Protein backbone atom coordinates (compact mmCIF):
# COMPACT_ATOMS: atom_id res chain seq x y z
CA MET A 1 -12.48 -38.94 5.44
CA ASP A 2 -11.78 -35.27 4.74
CA PRO A 3 -8.90 -33.63 6.57
CA ILE A 4 -9.74 -30.72 8.86
CA VAL A 5 -8.02 -27.58 7.67
CA THR A 6 -7.98 -24.16 9.21
CA VAL A 7 -9.56 -21.31 7.36
CA GLN A 8 -7.30 -18.71 8.89
CA ASP A 9 -5.81 -17.74 5.53
CA ALA A 10 -9.26 -17.19 4.06
CA VAL A 11 -10.40 -15.18 7.07
CA THR A 12 -7.29 -13.05 7.47
CA ALA A 13 -7.23 -12.28 3.76
CA PHE A 14 -10.18 -9.98 4.41
CA ALA A 15 -8.85 -8.53 7.67
CA ASP A 16 -8.46 -5.06 6.12
CA PHE A 17 -12.14 -5.04 5.21
CA ILE A 18 -13.32 -6.04 8.69
CA GLU A 19 -12.37 -2.73 10.32
CA PRO A 20 -14.59 0.30 9.65
CA THR A 21 -13.15 2.98 7.42
CA ASN A 22 -12.60 6.55 8.57
CA ALA A 23 -15.64 7.65 6.59
CA GLU A 24 -17.80 5.03 8.35
CA LEU A 25 -16.49 6.13 11.76
CA ASP A 26 -17.25 9.76 10.88
CA ALA A 27 -20.79 8.78 9.87
CA ILE A 28 -21.25 7.00 13.21
CA ASP A 29 -20.01 10.10 15.04
CA ARG A 30 -22.51 12.26 13.14
CA GLU A 31 -25.34 9.86 13.97
CA MET A 32 -24.39 9.37 17.63
CA PRO A 33 -26.78 12.05 19.03
CA VAL A 34 -29.66 10.37 17.17
CA ILE A 35 -28.61 6.95 18.43
CA LEU A 36 -28.39 8.14 22.04
CA ALA A 37 -31.75 9.92 21.81
CA ASP A 38 -33.34 6.75 20.41
CA VAL A 39 -31.84 4.73 23.26
CA ASP A 40 -33.35 7.16 25.78
CA LEU A 41 -36.73 6.88 24.07
CA LEU A 42 -36.58 3.08 24.08
CA ASP A 43 -35.55 3.11 27.74
CA ALA A 44 -38.54 5.28 28.60
CA GLN A 45 -40.88 3.02 26.63
CA ILE A 46 -39.44 -0.21 28.04
CA THR A 47 -40.01 0.95 31.62
CA THR A 48 -43.74 1.13 30.98
CA LEU A 49 -44.13 -2.26 29.30
CA ASP A 50 -45.18 -4.17 32.41
CA ARG A 51 -47.29 -1.51 34.11
CA VAL A 52 -49.73 1.26 33.42
CA PRO A 53 -47.77 4.43 32.57
CA THR A 54 -48.02 7.15 35.18
CA GLU A 55 -48.17 10.84 34.35
CA PHE A 56 -44.43 11.03 34.99
CA ASP A 57 -43.82 8.14 32.57
CA GLU A 58 -45.89 9.83 29.89
CA ARG A 59 -43.97 13.08 30.29
CA ARG A 60 -40.67 11.19 30.14
CA ILE A 61 -41.72 9.45 26.92
CA ARG A 62 -42.91 12.73 25.37
CA ARG A 63 -39.64 14.46 26.23
CA ALA A 64 -37.60 11.56 24.90
CA ARG A 65 -39.65 11.52 21.69
CA ARG A 66 -39.10 15.25 21.21
CA ARG A 67 -35.34 14.87 21.83
CA ALA A 68 -35.17 12.03 19.30
CA LEU A 69 -37.01 14.06 16.68
CA ALA A 70 -34.88 17.14 17.39
CA ALA A 71 -31.70 15.08 17.04
CA ARG A 72 -32.92 13.74 13.68
CA VAL A 73 -33.79 17.23 12.45
CA ALA A 74 -30.38 18.54 13.54
CA MET A 75 -28.60 15.70 11.75
CA ILE A 76 -30.63 16.22 8.57
CA ASN A 77 -29.97 19.96 8.66
CA GLN A 78 -26.23 19.36 9.07
CA THR A 79 -26.23 16.90 6.20
CA ALA A 80 -28.22 19.25 3.96
CA GLY A 81 -26.00 22.20 4.88
CA ALA A 82 -22.86 20.24 4.10
CA SER A 83 -24.16 19.15 0.72
CA LEU A 84 -25.15 22.63 -0.47
CA ALA A 85 -22.60 24.36 -2.66
CA GLY A 86 -21.02 27.45 -1.15
CA GLY A 87 -22.02 26.47 2.39
CA ALA A 88 -25.36 28.23 2.17
CA ALA A 89 -27.65 26.63 4.70
């Protein structure tokens, strides 16, 4: 019969790697407008899953889709502007 041993030492040895780094948190902050816009789009689409979309629903989905695309474009432009030498964007 094998003895039961805790694996706390093995788990806590990697405790420093479990937390996100500052760079990862900054990346999440930069992507947050895109994430929130995608959540709004999904919310608009989910509401119409069990019924026929009304004109209001279709407008809501179109607006949410445009906001999601605009958020992606803004994030890409910020990323491209930051990567250009001399800050020319």
